[in-house]
Every structure is written in C-alpha cells, then in structure tokens.
Amino acid sequence: MSVGEVHAAVEQAWEGLRSGAATGGKAVLSLPEDEFWRQPDFAPFRDGFADQRLGWKLSALYSVNARYGAVKIIGANAFNRRLGYPRSTSTIVLMDKYTLRPLSVLDGTNLSAMRTGTYASRFVDGFRARYSRVALFLFGTGPVARSVIECLSYSSADLVADIFVRSRTLDGAQRFVSEMAGRSAIPLQAVADNRRLAECSIVVTASNARQPVFEDAEVAPDAAGLHLGGDEVPEAYLRRVLRTGVVGCDDIGTVSRRNSQSLALYFSRSGLSLETVGPLLGIRELSSSHEWEAAEQGPVSLTCVGLPALDLYVAAACYEKFCAARRERVELR
C-alpha cells in the first residue's frame, strides 16, 4: 500500500465513523512490568529502561462496516527491540461481515504505523487557515515517527518548512534523520534538546517515554500539539490548554478506557474520568458526526489512540488491491 492509498482508505474510515456506517471497540490487557523484570533472562537489562515504558500489553481492536469485519491483534513490548524485533507486532484478520468468516490474514505492523501517521496529515492540514509555513518538532524515532514524516511529506510538504527530531539520544536522532533523509520531502534536523521547541508552531509526540518529554514553558504559547504516544505531556500544559485553548481526541470513550495517555491520566489521577468529564469541558472528538476544526488562534492539544475502523478500512483496501491484481494476472493468462 502506498502512502496515498492509505490516506484514501483512512478518509473513507472517517466518513464511515461520522455517518455511523463503521463502529468498533478495543480491549487491552496490560501486563505488570515487575513480572517481566523478575525473569532472569531480562533482569540484567532493567536499568536501560529507566526512562521508557515497556508498554507490555496484548490488545485487540475490532470493527465492522457495511461490507467487512476485522480484528487486529497487537502484541507489544519495548524490550523486543533488544531482540531485533519491532516494539509491537500486529496481525489483522479481515472477514466478510455477514458470515464473519476470514477472508485474509495480514501482517498489520507497517499498516498500523502508516494509519497512525495519517493523524498527522489530518491534524496539520487543519491549520492551513492559520499558518502559511510552519516548523514542526517531533519527539520519537520509532515506526510511528517514521510514518508521521512519510505522511506529512505526502500531504503537507508545502506547509511544513522544517521538522526537528528529538530522541532519547542525539545519536539516535541523527541515525533516524539519516535514514529518513531520502524518504522525506521536508528538511529534517536532529536535535539534542528542546531549545528549538519554542520556534515550532506544531509539536508531535510519538515516543515511548515514561514521563513528559517537554515542560509547558518550553512550548510556544499558541502551539498545536498532536499526541500519539503515552504519558508524554505535562499536566501544566494540559491545564493551560484546557483553560485557554482547544483540547480534543479521536474518540473520548476509547482514549478514556485505555487510560494510558496523558489526557486520560490527567483526569484518572484525580479520581475522575475523561469519558464523564470530557464532554462537560467541551473536549472535542475527531469521530464526531460534526467535522472537527482547529481553532483560528490559541493552543490546541489533540490526543489520538488509534481507532479500530481505520485498521479495518486500510486492511480492506489492501485486500481489494490484492484481489484486483490477482484477477488481472488471471486475465493476462
């Protein structure tokens, strides 16, 4: 699937969600890190993960639309990178909706990262009325960060002038920038700290950090933030944007129930629930039947957890492309 084909499939998914033609849910089984580190084979490496979450969990995303059903199974653990594997591996089972018999089993790891990257395209595109050219600060150098750059190169190279990339180490950021240089239509620059953050109108967090990756005072007052990772955003920042700007997420219920990202944790740590309090505070949803629009001024914070319908539509597009290519080969014989 090309970047453009993934964007087209995701756009159909958003139309399906807003119209009610697509629906789905998500179940997550989070496993305790202490159990993992008690294993003798893993215990010697524990200190190397002091500043990042293992994110050790088993997830299932399920969805249906007018024609198909799908279940995506995700196994994730940051330690996998030590073993030469991706942090998370996804398998998508695509089914006929009415019989719910499998049509195809797909490796969804790259498809998942790419569909997550399309959030950046949708988010940045919402600020065309506000900005003519912007600098963007990207935290993270994993598959999602890679997809963010590829998607923005496809959709927003005319708007994004520069992307500053920060990882846990400068060497890691430099390796990532070198790897991505030939795949990005936007200039990339590795940075060692947050000093360039105040120059950036848009901030994207896509890391696996265990704690916030910036301080509120480091961000431009009217910056727009897209948050695709975990607990990466400081409470002071969220309080300020809730008070003076616009806060949103892809789906309030899904983000709230997952309770692993800063927005949901901001409420649950106080004994509240994003799902209960969010609508009262005017927190917006991308999945709402009303088109989500960015504010013309003031700070914006959007948290996205990844909705099952996006996986369904991307998997269906991949399956249909395969079937069309197979028919074409048969006809040529």
C-alpha atoms as a PDB file:
ATOM      1  CA  MET A   1       0.000   0.000   0.000  1.00  0.00           C
ATOM      2  CA  SER A   2       1.332   3.412  -0.964  1.00  0.00           C
ATOM      3  CA  VAL A   3       1.094   6.375   1.391  1.00  0.00           C
ATOM      4  CA  GLY A   4      -1.581   7.872  -0.852  1.00  0.00           C
ATOM      5  CA  GLU A   5      -3.634   4.668  -0.836  1.00  0.00           C
ATOM      6  CA  VAL A   6      -3.507   4.528   2.968  1.00  0.00           C
ATOM      7  CA  HIS A   7      -4.660   8.153   3.172  1.00  0.00           C
ATOM      8  CA  ALA A   8      -7.588   7.392   0.847  1.00  0.00           C
ATOM      9  CA  ALA A   9      -8.630   4.369   2.918  1.00  0.00           C
ATOM     10  CA  VAL A  10      -8.392   6.328   6.173  1.00  0.00           C
ATOM     11  CA  GLU A  11     -10.515   9.136   4.735  1.00  0.00           C
ATOM     12  CA  GLN A  12     -13.216   6.559   3.950  1.00  0.00           C
ATOM     13  CA  ALA A  13     -12.915   5.323   7.533  1.00  0.00           C
ATOM     14  CA  TRP A  14     -13.552   8.805   8.958  1.00  0.00           C
ATOM     15  CA  GLU A  15     -16.572   9.168   6.697  1.00  0.00           C
ATOM     16  CA  GLY A  16     -17.817   5.782   7.915  1.00  0.00           C
ATOM     17  CA  LEU A  17     -17.338   6.735  11.550  1.00  0.00           C
ATOM     18  CA  ARG A  18     -19.086  10.077  11.235  1.00  0.00           C
ATOM     19  CA  SER A  19     -22.008   8.570   9.319  1.00  0.00           C
ATOM     20  CA  GLY A  20     -22.387   5.589  11.654  1.00  0.00           C
ATOM     21  CA  ALA A  21     -21.557   3.066   8.921  1.00  0.00           C
ATOM     22  CA  ALA A  22     -18.486   1.919  10.859  1.00  0.00           C
ATOM     23  CA  THR A  23     -18.251   1.003  14.509  1.00  0.00           C
ATOM     24  CA  GLY A  24     -15.851  -0.876  16.731  1.00  0.00           C
ATOM     25  CA  GLY A  25     -14.118  -1.240  20.043  1.00  0.00           C
ATOM     26  CA  LYS A  26     -10.841  -2.029  21.724  1.00  0.00           C
ATOM     27  CA  ALA A  27      -9.725  -4.339  24.526  1.00  0.00           C
ATOM     28  CA  VAL A  28      -6.331  -4.017  26.205  1.00  0.00           C
ATOM     29  CA  LEU A  29      -4.662  -6.389  28.659  1.00  0.00           C
ATOM     30  CA  SER A  30      -1.730  -4.571  30.279  1.00  0.00           C
ATOM     31  CA  LEU A  31       0.833  -6.810  31.957  1.00  0.00           C
ATOM     32  CA  PRO A  32       2.884  -5.784  35.033  1.00  0.00           C
ATOM     33  CA  GLU A  33       6.444  -4.694  34.338  1.00  0.00           C
ATOM     34  CA  ASP A  34       7.689  -6.141  37.621  1.00  0.00           C
ATOM     35  CA  GLU A  35       6.727  -9.625  36.437  1.00  0.00           C
ATOM     36  CA  PHE A  36       8.770  -9.131  33.290  1.00  0.00           C
ATOM     37  CA  TRP A  37      11.856  -7.879  35.127  1.00  0.00           C
ATOM     38  CA  ARG A  38      11.734 -10.807  37.581  1.00  0.00           C
ATOM     39  CA  GLN A  39      12.663 -13.140  34.731  1.00  0.00           C
ATOM     40  CA  PRO A  40      16.388 -13.986  35.000  1.00  0.00           C
ATOM     41  CA  ASP A  41      16.993 -13.514  31.276  1.00  0.00           C
ATOM     42  CA  PHE A  42      15.610  -9.957  31.349  1.00  0.00           C
ATOM     43  CA  ALA A  43      16.572  -8.623  34.791  1.00  0.00           C
ATOM     44  CA  PRO A  44      20.121  -7.501  33.815  1.00  0.00           C
ATOM     45  CA  PHE A  45      18.664  -5.042  31.275  1.00  0.00           C
ATOM     46  CA  ARG A  46      16.257  -3.260  33.629  1.00  0.00           C
ATOM     47  CA  ASP A  47      18.387  -0.151  34.205  1.00  0.00           C
ATOM     48  CA  GLY A  48      18.451   0.503  30.468  1.00  0.00           C
ATOM     49  CA  PHE A  49      14.685   1.033  30.538  1.00  0.00           C
ATOM     50  CA  ALA A  50      14.565   3.518  33.413  1.00  0.00           C
ATOM     51  CA  ASP A  51      13.325   6.334  31.152  1.00  0.00           C
ATOM     52  CA  GLN A  52      10.946   4.432  28.895  1.00  0.00           C
ATOM     53  CA  ARG A  53       7.853   2.297  29.353  1.00  0.00           C
ATOM     54  CA  LEU A  54       7.854  -1.342  28.381  1.00  0.00           C
ATOM     55  CA  GLY A  55       4.266  -0.955  27.251  1.00  0.00           C
ATOM     56  CA  TRP A  56       3.918  -4.727  27.707  1.00  0.00           C
ATOM     57  CA  LYS A  57       0.377  -5.488  26.622  1.00  0.00           C
ATOM     58  CA  LEU A  58      -1.909  -7.583  24.474  1.00  0.00           C
ATOM     59  CA  SER A  59      -4.586  -5.639  22.582  1.00  0.00           C
ATOM     60  CA  ALA A  60      -7.465  -6.453  20.263  1.00  0.00           C
ATOM     61  CA  LEU A  61      -9.183  -3.887  18.029  1.00  0.00           C
ATOM     62  CA  TYR A  62     -12.441  -4.979  16.412  1.00  0.00           C
ATOM     63  CA  SER A  63     -14.591  -3.171  13.888  1.00  0.00           C
ATOM     64  CA  VAL A  64     -17.246  -3.629  11.194  1.00  0.00           C
ATOM     65  CA  ASN A  65     -18.518  -1.541   8.303  1.00  0.00           C
ATOM     66  CA  ALA A  66     -21.092  -2.169   5.596  1.00  0.00           C
ATOM     67  CA  ARG A  67     -19.081  -4.959   3.980  1.00  0.00           C
ATOM     68  CA  TYR A  68     -16.304  -6.228   6.219  1.00  0.00           C
ATOM     69  CA  GLY A  69     -15.349  -7.022   9.765  1.00  0.00           C
ATOM     70  CA  ALA A  70     -11.825  -7.055  11.159  1.00  0.00           C
ATOM     71  CA  VAL A  71      -9.920  -7.866  14.315  1.00  0.00           C
ATOM     72  CA  LYS A  72      -6.395  -6.577  14.853  1.00  0.00           C
ATOM     73  CA  ILE A  73      -4.293  -8.376  17.461  1.00  0.00           C
ATOM     74  CA  ILE A  74      -1.319  -6.464  18.844  1.00  0.00           C
ATOM     75  CA  GLY A  75       1.485  -7.807  20.987  1.00  0.00           C
ATOM     76  CA  ALA A  76       3.771  -5.071  22.325  1.00  0.00           C
ATOM     77  CA  ASN A  77       6.850  -4.798  24.497  1.00  0.00           C
ATOM     78  CA  ALA A  78       9.612  -2.201  24.138  1.00  0.00           C
ATOM     79  CA  PHE A  79      12.145  -4.900  25.093  1.00  0.00           C
ATOM     80  CA  ASN A  80      11.506  -6.512  21.707  1.00  0.00           C
ATOM     81  CA  ARG A  81      13.891  -4.000  20.147  1.00  0.00           C
ATOM     82  CA  ARG A  82      16.722  -5.577  22.161  1.00  0.00           C
ATOM     83  CA  LEU A  83      15.898  -8.817  20.382  1.00  0.00           C
ATOM     84  CA  GLY A  84      15.874  -7.233  16.939  1.00  0.00           C
ATOM     85  CA  TYR A  85      12.078  -7.168  16.652  1.00  0.00           C
ATOM     86  CA  PRO A  86       9.652  -4.250  16.325  1.00  0.00           C
ATOM     87  CA  ARG A  87       8.302  -2.935  19.613  1.00  0.00           C
ATOM     88  CA  SER A  88       4.817  -4.080  18.568  1.00  0.00           C
ATOM     89  CA  THR A  89       3.594  -6.625  16.043  1.00  0.00           C
ATOM     90  CA  SER A  90       0.084  -6.504  14.585  1.00  0.00           C
ATOM     91  CA  THR A  91      -1.918  -9.203  12.846  1.00  0.00           C
ATOM     92  CA  ILE A  92      -5.189  -8.280  11.131  1.00  0.00           C
ATOM     93  CA  VAL A  93      -7.897 -10.821  10.335  1.00  0.00           C
ATOM     94  CA  LEU A  94     -10.250  -9.429   7.679  1.00  0.00           C
ATOM     95  CA  MET A  95     -13.674 -11.076   7.497  1.00  0.00           C
ATOM     96  CA  ASP A  96     -16.849 -10.988   5.491  1.00  0.00           C
ATOM     97  CA  LYS A  97     -19.286  -9.010   7.633  1.00  0.00           C
ATOM     98  CA  TYR A  98     -22.303 -11.282   7.270  1.00  0.00           C
ATOM     99  CA  THR A  99     -20.705 -14.698   7.735  1.00  0.00           C
ATOM    100  CA  LEU A 100     -17.751 -13.411   9.781  1.00  0.00           C
ATOM    101  CA  ARG A 101     -15.586 -15.969   8.035  1.00  0.00           C
ATOM    102  CA  PRO A 102     -11.970 -14.921   7.428  1.00  0.00           C
ATOM    103  CA  LEU A 103     -11.084 -13.552   4.007  1.00  0.00           C
ATOM    104  CA  SER A 104      -7.457 -12.700   4.671  1.00  0.00           C
ATOM    105  CA  VAL A 105      -4.821 -12.609   7.386  1.00  0.00           C
ATOM    106  CA  LEU A 106      -2.460  -9.652   7.053  1.00  0.00           C
ATOM    107  CA  ASP A 107       0.727  -8.582   8.766  1.00  0.00           C
ATOM    108  CA  GLY A 108      -0.598  -5.291  10.082  1.00  0.00           C
ATOM    109  CA  THR A 109       2.579  -3.916  11.683  1.00  0.00           C
ATOM    110  CA  ASN A 110       3.507  -1.479   8.908  1.00  0.00           C
ATOM    111  CA  LEU A 111      -0.134  -0.792   8.036  1.00  0.00           C
ATOM    112  CA  SER A 112      -0.775   0.177  11.668  1.00  0.00           C
ATOM    113  CA  ALA A 113       2.125   2.601  11.763  1.00  0.00           C
ATOM    114  CA  MET A 114       1.064   4.178   8.479  1.00  0.00           C
ATOM    115  CA  ARG A 115      -2.561   4.659   9.512  1.00  0.00           C
ATOM    116  CA  THR A 116      -1.331   6.300  12.719  1.00  0.00           C
ATOM    117  CA  GLY A 117       0.842   8.642  10.673  1.00  0.00           C
ATOM    118  CA  THR A 118      -2.233   9.864   8.808  1.00  0.00           C
ATOM    119  CA  TYR A 119      -3.363  11.541  12.041  1.00  0.00           C
ATOM    120  CA  ALA A 120      -0.502  13.982  11.500  1.00  0.00           C
ATOM    121  CA  SER A 121      -1.718  14.738   7.973  1.00  0.00           C
ATOM    122  CA  ARG A 122      -5.247  15.437   9.188  1.00  0.00           C
ATOM    123  CA  PHE A 123      -4.032  17.482  12.151  1.00  0.00           C
ATOM    124  CA  VAL A 124      -1.548  19.661  10.279  1.00  0.00           C
ATOM    125  CA  ASP A 125      -3.951  20.220   7.392  1.00  0.00           C
ATOM    126  CA  GLY A 126      -6.385  21.765   9.856  1.00  0.00           C
ATOM    127  CA  PHE A 127      -4.029  24.715  10.374  1.00  0.00           C
ATOM    128  CA  ARG A 128      -3.757  25.907   6.775  1.00  0.00           C
ATOM    129  CA  ALA A 129      -6.010  28.866   7.559  1.00  0.00           C
ATOM    130  CA  ARG A 130      -3.786  29.836  10.482  1.00  0.00           C
ATOM    131  CA  TYR A 131      -0.300  29.365   9.006  1.00  0.00           C
ATOM    132  CA  SER A 132       1.401  29.689   5.635  1.00  0.00           C
ATOM    133  CA  ARG A 133       4.620  27.916   6.705  1.00  0.00           C
ATOM    134  CA  VAL A 134       5.425  26.211   9.994  1.00  0.00           C
ATOM    135  CA  ALA A 135       8.250  24.445  11.776  1.00  0.00           C
ATOM    136  CA  LEU A 136       7.354  21.145  13.466  1.00  0.00           C
ATOM    137  CA  PHE A 137       9.017  19.448  16.450  1.00  0.00           C
ATOM    138  CA  LEU A 138       8.802  15.635  16.512  1.00  0.00           C
ATOM    139  CA  PHE A 139       9.551  13.568  19.618  1.00  0.00           C
ATOM    140  CA  GLY A 140      10.322   9.956  18.746  1.00  0.00           C
ATOM    141  CA  THR A 141      12.185   7.899  16.170  1.00  0.00           C
ATOM    142  CA  GLY A 142      10.161   4.693  16.016  1.00  0.00           C
ATOM    143  CA  PRO A 143       7.800   3.356  13.327  1.00  0.00           C
ATOM    144  CA  VAL A 144       5.078   5.902  14.131  1.00  0.00           C
ATOM    145  CA  ALA A 145       7.523   8.808  13.911  1.00  0.00           C
ATOM    146  CA  ARG A 146       8.741   7.404  10.585  1.00  0.00           C
ATOM    147  CA  SER A 147       5.169   7.253   9.338  1.00  0.00           C
ATOM    148  CA  VAL A 148       4.475  10.808  10.536  1.00  0.00           C
ATOM    149  CA  ILE A 149       7.292  12.074   8.321  1.00  0.00           C
ATOM    150  CA  GLU A 150       6.196   9.998   5.324  1.00  0.00           C
ATOM    151  CA  CYS A 151       2.594  11.130   5.690  1.00  0.00           C
ATOM    152  CA  LEU A 152       3.489  14.793   6.103  1.00  0.00           C
ATOM    153  CA  SER A 153       5.809  14.539   3.100  1.00  0.00           C
ATOM    154  CA  TYR A 154       2.825  13.268   1.116  1.00  0.00           C
ATOM    155  CA  SER A 155       0.232  15.728   2.388  1.00  0.00           C
ATOM    156  CA  SER A 156       1.882  18.817   3.829  1.00  0.00           C
ATOM    157  CA  ALA A 157       5.311  19.489   2.337  1.00  0.00           C
ATOM    158  CA  ASP A 158       4.008  22.863   1.151  1.00  0.00           C
ATOM    159  CA  LEU A 159       3.085  23.847   4.715  1.00  0.00           C
ATOM    160  CA  VAL A 160       5.779  22.278   6.920  1.00  0.00           C
ATOM    161  CA  ALA A 161       9.106  24.011   6.310  1.00  0.00           C
ATOM    162  CA  ASP A 162      11.274  22.049   8.774  1.00  0.00           C
ATOM    163  CA  ILE A 163      10.995  19.109  11.147  1.00  0.00           C
ATOM    164  CA  PHE A 164      13.207  18.984  14.244  1.00  0.00           C
ATOM    165  CA  VAL A 165      13.600  15.435  15.556  1.00  0.00           C
ATOM    166  CA  ARG A 166      14.481  14.520  19.131  1.00  0.00           C
ATOM    167  CA  SER A 167      15.087  11.046  20.520  1.00  0.00           C
ATOM    168  CA  ARG A 168      16.446   9.808  23.841  1.00  0.00           C
ATOM    169  CA  THR A 169      19.940  10.337  22.469  1.00  0.00           C
ATOM    170  CA  LEU A 170      21.339  12.668  19.827  1.00  0.00           C
ATOM    171  CA  ASP A 171      22.981   9.695  18.089  1.00  0.00           C
ATOM    172  CA  GLY A 172      19.597   8.006  17.787  1.00  0.00           C
ATOM    173  CA  ALA A 173      18.024  11.134  16.324  1.00  0.00           C
ATOM    174  CA  GLN A 174      20.905  11.559  13.875  1.00  0.00           C
ATOM    175  CA  ARG A 175      20.653   7.948  12.694  1.00  0.00           C
ATOM    176  CA  PHE A 176      16.930   8.368  12.198  1.00  0.00           C
ATOM    177  CA  VAL A 177      17.329  11.596  10.222  1.00  0.00           C
ATOM    178  CA  SER A 178      19.994   9.981   8.037  1.00  0.00           C
ATOM    179  CA  GLU A 179      17.714   7.009   7.379  1.00  0.00           C
ATOM    180  CA  MET A 180      14.714   9.200   6.561  1.00  0.00           C
ATOM    181  CA  ALA A 181      16.510  11.864   4.503  1.00  0.00           C
ATOM    182  CA  GLY A 182      15.814  10.155   1.184  1.00  0.00           C
ATOM    183  CA  ARG A 183      12.184   9.480   2.090  1.00  0.00           C
ATOM    184  CA  SER A 184      11.218  12.953   3.295  1.00  0.00           C
ATOM    185  CA  ALA A 185      10.160  15.900   1.156  1.00  0.00           C
ATOM    186  CA  ILE A 186      10.635  18.100   4.250  1.00  0.00           C
ATOM    187  CA  PRO A 187      14.071  19.069   5.650  1.00  0.00           C
ATOM    188  CA  LEU A 188      14.880  17.130   8.834  1.00  0.00           C
ATOM    189  CA  GLN A 189      17.227  18.178  11.627  1.00  0.00           C
ATOM    190  CA  ALA A 190      18.268  16.099  14.631  1.00  0.00           C
ATOM    191  CA  VAL A 191      18.408  17.994  17.924  1.00  0.00           C
ATOM    192  CA  ALA A 192      19.819  17.116  21.330  1.00  0.00           C
ATOM    193  CA  ASP A 193      17.428  19.175  23.469  1.00  0.00           C
ATOM    194  CA  ASN A 194      14.231  21.256  23.394  1.00  0.00           C
ATOM    195  CA  ARG A 195      15.743  24.647  22.602  1.00  0.00           C
ATOM    196  CA  ARG A 196      14.176  24.749  19.124  1.00  0.00           C
ATOM    197  CA  LEU A 197      10.762  23.781  20.526  1.00  0.00           C
ATOM    198  CA  ALA A 198       9.685  27.383  21.148  1.00  0.00           C
ATOM    199  CA  GLU A 199      10.164  28.139  17.433  1.00  0.00           C
ATOM    200  CA  CYS A 200       7.719  25.431  16.356  1.00  0.00           C
ATOM    201  CA  SER A 201       4.035  26.037  15.727  1.00  0.00           C
ATOM    202  CA  ILE A 202       3.249  22.307  15.756  1.00  0.00           C
ATOM    203  CA  VAL A 203       4.514  19.616  18.123  1.00  0.00           C
ATOM    204  CA  VAL A 204       4.052  15.871  17.601  1.00  0.00           C
ATOM    205  CA  THR A 205       4.844  13.387  20.376  1.00  0.00           C
ATOM    206  CA  ALA A 206       5.361   9.797  19.221  1.00  0.00           C
ATOM    207  CA  SER A 207       7.781   8.388  21.756  1.00  0.00           C
ATOM    208  CA  ASN A 208       7.716   5.646  24.360  1.00  0.00           C
ATOM    209  CA  ALA A 209       8.909   7.891  27.177  1.00  0.00           C
ATOM    210  CA  ARG A 210       7.972   7.102  30.747  1.00  0.00           C
ATOM    211  CA  GLN A 211       7.489  10.776  31.647  1.00  0.00           C
ATOM    212  CA  PRO A 212       6.680  14.064  29.857  1.00  0.00           C
ATOM    213  CA  VAL A 213       9.131  14.936  27.095  1.00  0.00           C
ATOM    214  CA  PHE A 214       8.827  18.720  27.483  1.00  0.00           C
ATOM    215  CA  GLU A 215       7.936  21.391  30.023  1.00  0.00           C
ATOM    216  CA  ASP A 216       4.982  23.697  29.418  1.00  0.00           C
ATOM    217  CA  ALA A 217       7.240  26.761  29.457  1.00  0.00           C
ATOM    218  CA  GLU A 218       9.303  25.323  26.577  1.00  0.00           C
ATOM    219  CA  VAL A 219       6.361  25.313  24.130  1.00  0.00           C
ATOM    220  CA  ALA A 220       5.222  28.317  22.123  1.00  0.00           C
ATOM    221  CA  PRO A 221       2.068  29.724  23.779  1.00  0.00           C
ATOM    222  CA  ASP A 222      -0.161  29.091  20.734  1.00  0.00           C
ATOM    223  CA  ALA A 223       1.487  25.846  19.596  1.00  0.00           C
ATOM    224  CA  ALA A 224      -0.665  22.965  18.410  1.00  0.00           C
ATOM    225  CA  GLY A 225       0.203  19.558  19.847  1.00  0.00           C
ATOM    226  CA  LEU A 226      -0.632  16.115  18.448  1.00  0.00           C
ATOM    227  CA  HIS A 227      -0.008  13.310  20.931  1.00  0.00           C
ATOM    228  CA  LEU A 228       0.362   9.770  19.572  1.00  0.00           C
ATOM    229  CA  GLY A 229       2.385   8.098  22.330  1.00  0.00           C
ATOM    230  CA  GLY A 230       1.719   7.549  26.009  1.00  0.00           C
ATOM    231  CA  ASP A 231       2.168   9.709  29.094  1.00  0.00           C
ATOM    232  CA  GLU A 232       4.366  12.283  27.320  1.00  0.00           C
ATOM    233  CA  VAL A 233       2.607  15.573  28.088  1.00  0.00           C
ATOM    234  CA  PRO A 234       2.975  17.572  31.331  1.00  0.00           C
ATOM    235  CA  GLU A 235      -0.086  18.336  33.433  1.00  0.00           C
ATOM    236  CA  ALA A 236       0.716  22.060  33.437  1.00  0.00           C
ATOM    237  CA  TYR A 237       0.463  22.078  29.647  1.00  0.00           C
ATOM    238  CA  LEU A 238      -2.886  20.275  29.671  1.00  0.00           C
ATOM    239  CA  ARG A 239      -4.282  22.596  32.337  1.00  0.00           C
ATOM    240  CA  ARG A 240      -3.286  25.633  30.292  1.00  0.00           C
ATOM    241  CA  VAL A 241      -4.756  24.325  27.023  1.00  0.00           C
ATOM    242  CA  LEU A 242      -7.965  23.246  28.768  1.00  0.00           C
ATOM    243  CA  ARG A 243      -8.257  26.770  30.165  1.00  0.00           C
ATOM    244  CA  THR A 244      -7.214  28.848  27.148  1.00  0.00           C
ATOM    245  CA  GLY A 245      -7.419  26.696  24.021  1.00  0.00           C
ATOM    246  CA  VAL A 246      -8.947  23.624  22.395  1.00  0.00           C
ATOM    247  CA  VAL A 247      -8.491  20.044  23.600  1.00  0.00           C
ATOM    248  CA  GLY A 248      -9.614  17.053  21.561  1.00  0.00           C
ATOM    249  CA  CYS A 249      -9.053  13.369  20.920  1.00  0.00           C
ATOM    250  CA  ASP A 250     -10.007  10.871  18.256  1.00  0.00           C
ATOM    251  CA  ASP A 251     -12.653   9.280  20.498  1.00  0.00           C
ATOM    252  CA  ILE A 252     -13.304  10.259  24.110  1.00  0.00           C
ATOM    253  CA  GLY A 253     -14.568   6.852  25.226  1.00  0.00           C
ATOM    254  CA  THR A 254     -11.706   4.912  23.670  1.00  0.00           C
ATOM    255  CA  VAL A 255      -8.994   7.231  25.000  1.00  0.00           C
ATOM    256  CA  SER A 256     -10.622   7.260  28.439  1.00  0.00           C
ATOM    257  CA  ARG A 257     -10.954   3.496  28.746  1.00  0.00           C
ATOM    258  CA  ARG A 258      -7.412   2.866  27.560  1.00  0.00           C
ATOM    259  CA  ASN A 259      -6.164   5.318  30.228  1.00  0.00           C
ATOM    260  CA  SER A 260      -2.542   5.211  29.110  1.00  0.00           C
ATOM    261  CA  GLN A 261      -2.102   8.668  27.586  1.00  0.00           C
ATOM    262  CA  SER A 262      -1.599  11.952  29.373  1.00  0.00           C
ATOM    263  CA  LEU A 263      -5.078  13.343  28.673  1.00  0.00           C
ATOM    264  CA  ALA A 264      -6.922  10.383  30.211  1.00  0.00           C
ATOM    265  CA  LEU A 265      -4.390  10.066  33.036  1.00  0.00           C
ATOM    266  CA  TYR A 266      -4.785  13.771  33.870  1.00  0.00           C
ATOM    267  CA  PHE A 267      -8.355  13.014  34.983  1.00  0.00           C
ATOM    268  CA  SER A 268      -7.984   9.473  36.326  1.00  0.00           C
ATOM    269  CA  ARG A 269      -5.156  10.519  38.659  1.00  0.00           C
ATOM    270  CA  SER A 270      -7.664  12.861  40.297  1.00  0.00           C
ATOM    271  CA  GLY A 271     -10.319  10.162  40.591  1.00  0.00           C
ATOM    272  CA  LEU A 272     -12.235  11.454  37.557  1.00  0.00           C
ATOM    273  CA  SER A 273     -12.919  10.045  34.097  1.00  0.00           C
ATOM    274  CA  LEU A 274     -12.241  11.659  30.735  1.00  0.00           C
ATOM    275  CA  GLU A 275     -15.351   9.911  29.419  1.00  0.00           C
ATOM    276  CA  THR A 276     -17.507  11.584  32.079  1.00  0.00           C
ATOM    277  CA  VAL A 277     -15.848  14.974  32.421  1.00  0.00           C
ATOM    278  CA  GLY A 278     -14.623  15.495  28.849  1.00  0.00           C
ATOM    279  CA  PRO A 279     -17.975  16.392  27.253  1.00  0.00           C
ATOM    280  CA  LEU A 280     -18.711  18.825  30.088  1.00  0.00           C
ATOM    281  CA  LEU A 281     -15.412  20.614  29.425  1.00  0.00           C
ATOM    282  CA  GLY A 282     -16.020  20.824  25.694  1.00  0.00           C
ATOM    283  CA  ILE A 283     -13.331  18.318  24.705  1.00  0.00           C
ATOM    284  CA  ARG A 284     -13.833  17.611  21.011  1.00  0.00           C
ATOM    285  CA  GLU A 285     -13.760  14.352  19.027  1.00  0.00           C
ATOM    286  CA  LEU A 286     -12.451  13.582  15.557  1.00  0.00           C
ATOM    287  CA  SER A 287     -15.013  10.770  15.349  1.00  0.00           C
ATOM    288  CA  SER A 288     -17.952  13.101  15.985  1.00  0.00           C
ATOM    289  CA  SER A 289     -20.593  13.486  13.293  1.00  0.00           C
ATOM    290  CA  HIS A 290     -19.544  17.150  13.174  1.00  0.00           C
ATOM    291  CA  GLU A 291     -16.313  17.904  11.328  1.00  0.00           C
ATOM    292  CA  TRP A 292     -13.544  18.727  13.810  1.00  0.00           C
ATOM    293  CA  GLU A 293     -11.993  22.114  13.115  1.00  0.00           C
ATOM    294  CA  ALA A 294      -8.868  23.575  14.657  1.00  0.00           C
ATOM    295  CA  ALA A 295      -9.125  26.925  16.400  1.00  0.00           C
ATOM    296  CA  GLU A 296      -8.035  30.020  14.494  1.00  0.00           C
ATOM    297  CA  GLN A 297      -5.875  31.069  17.444  1.00  0.00           C
ATOM    298  CA  GLY A 298      -4.730  29.824  20.824  1.00  0.00           C
ATOM    299  CA  PRO A 299      -3.178  26.487  21.807  1.00  0.00           C
ATOM    300  CA  VAL A 300      -4.569  23.157  20.606  1.00  0.00           C
ATOM    301  CA  SER A 301      -3.944  19.683  22.019  1.00  0.00           C
ATOM    302  CA  LEU A 302      -5.180  16.549  20.239  1.00  0.00           C
ATOM    303  CA  THR A 303      -4.672  13.052  21.685  1.00  0.00           C
ATOM    304  CA  CYS A 304      -5.148  10.052  19.389  1.00  0.00           C
ATOM    305  CA  VAL A 305      -5.181   6.427  20.454  1.00  0.00           C
ATOM    306  CA  GLY A 306      -5.855   4.805  17.059  1.00  0.00           C
ATOM    307  CA  LEU A 307      -9.406   3.756  16.194  1.00  0.00           C
ATOM    308  CA  PRO A 308     -10.232   0.210  15.037  1.00  0.00           C
ATOM    309  CA  ALA A 309     -12.187   1.416  11.986  1.00  0.00           C
ATOM    310  CA  LEU A 310      -9.018   2.876  10.499  1.00  0.00           C
ATOM    311  CA  ASP A 311      -7.390  -0.559  10.563  1.00  0.00           C
ATOM    312  CA  LEU A 312     -10.496  -2.115   9.042  1.00  0.00           C
ATOM    313  CA  TYR A 313     -10.616   0.215   6.062  1.00  0.00           C
ATOM    314  CA  VAL A 314      -6.869   0.028   5.417  1.00  0.00           C
ATOM    315  CA  ALA A 315      -6.922  -3.784   5.603  1.00  0.00           C
ATOM    316  CA  ALA A 316      -9.941  -3.911   3.277  1.00  0.00           C
ATOM    317  CA  ALA A 317      -8.205  -1.633   0.762  1.00  0.00           C
ATOM    318  CA  CYS A 318      -5.112  -3.839   0.880  1.00  0.00           C
ATOM    319  CA  TYR A 319      -7.209  -6.985   0.366  1.00  0.00           C
ATOM    320  CA  GLU A 320      -9.155  -5.463  -2.532  1.00  0.00           C
ATOM    321  CA  LYS A 321      -5.916  -4.315  -4.181  1.00  0.00           C
ATOM    322  CA  PHE A 322      -4.558  -7.845  -3.906  1.00  0.00           C
ATOM    323  CA  CYS A 323      -7.751  -9.348  -5.371  1.00  0.00           C
ATOM    324  CA  ALA A 324      -7.695  -6.890  -8.282  1.00  0.00           C
ATOM    325  CA  ALA A 325      -4.056  -7.723  -9.047  1.00  0.00           C
ATOM    326  CA  ARG A 326      -4.809 -11.450  -8.907  1.00  0.00           C
ATOM    327  CA  ARG A 327      -7.756 -11.068 -11.310  1.00  0.00           C
ATOM    328  CA  GLU A 328      -5.551  -9.097 -13.667  1.00  0.00           C
ATOM    329  CA  ARG A 329      -2.912 -11.837 -13.670  1.00  0.00           C
ATOM    330  CA  VAL A 330      -5.541 -14.471 -14.397  1.00  0.00           C
ATOM    331  CA  GLU A 331      -6.960 -12.440 -17.287  1.00  0.00           C
ATOM    332  CA  LEU A 332      -3.493 -11.984 -18.790  1.00  0.00           C
ATOM    333  CA  ARG A 333      -3.066 -15.747 -18.950  1.00  0.00           C
END
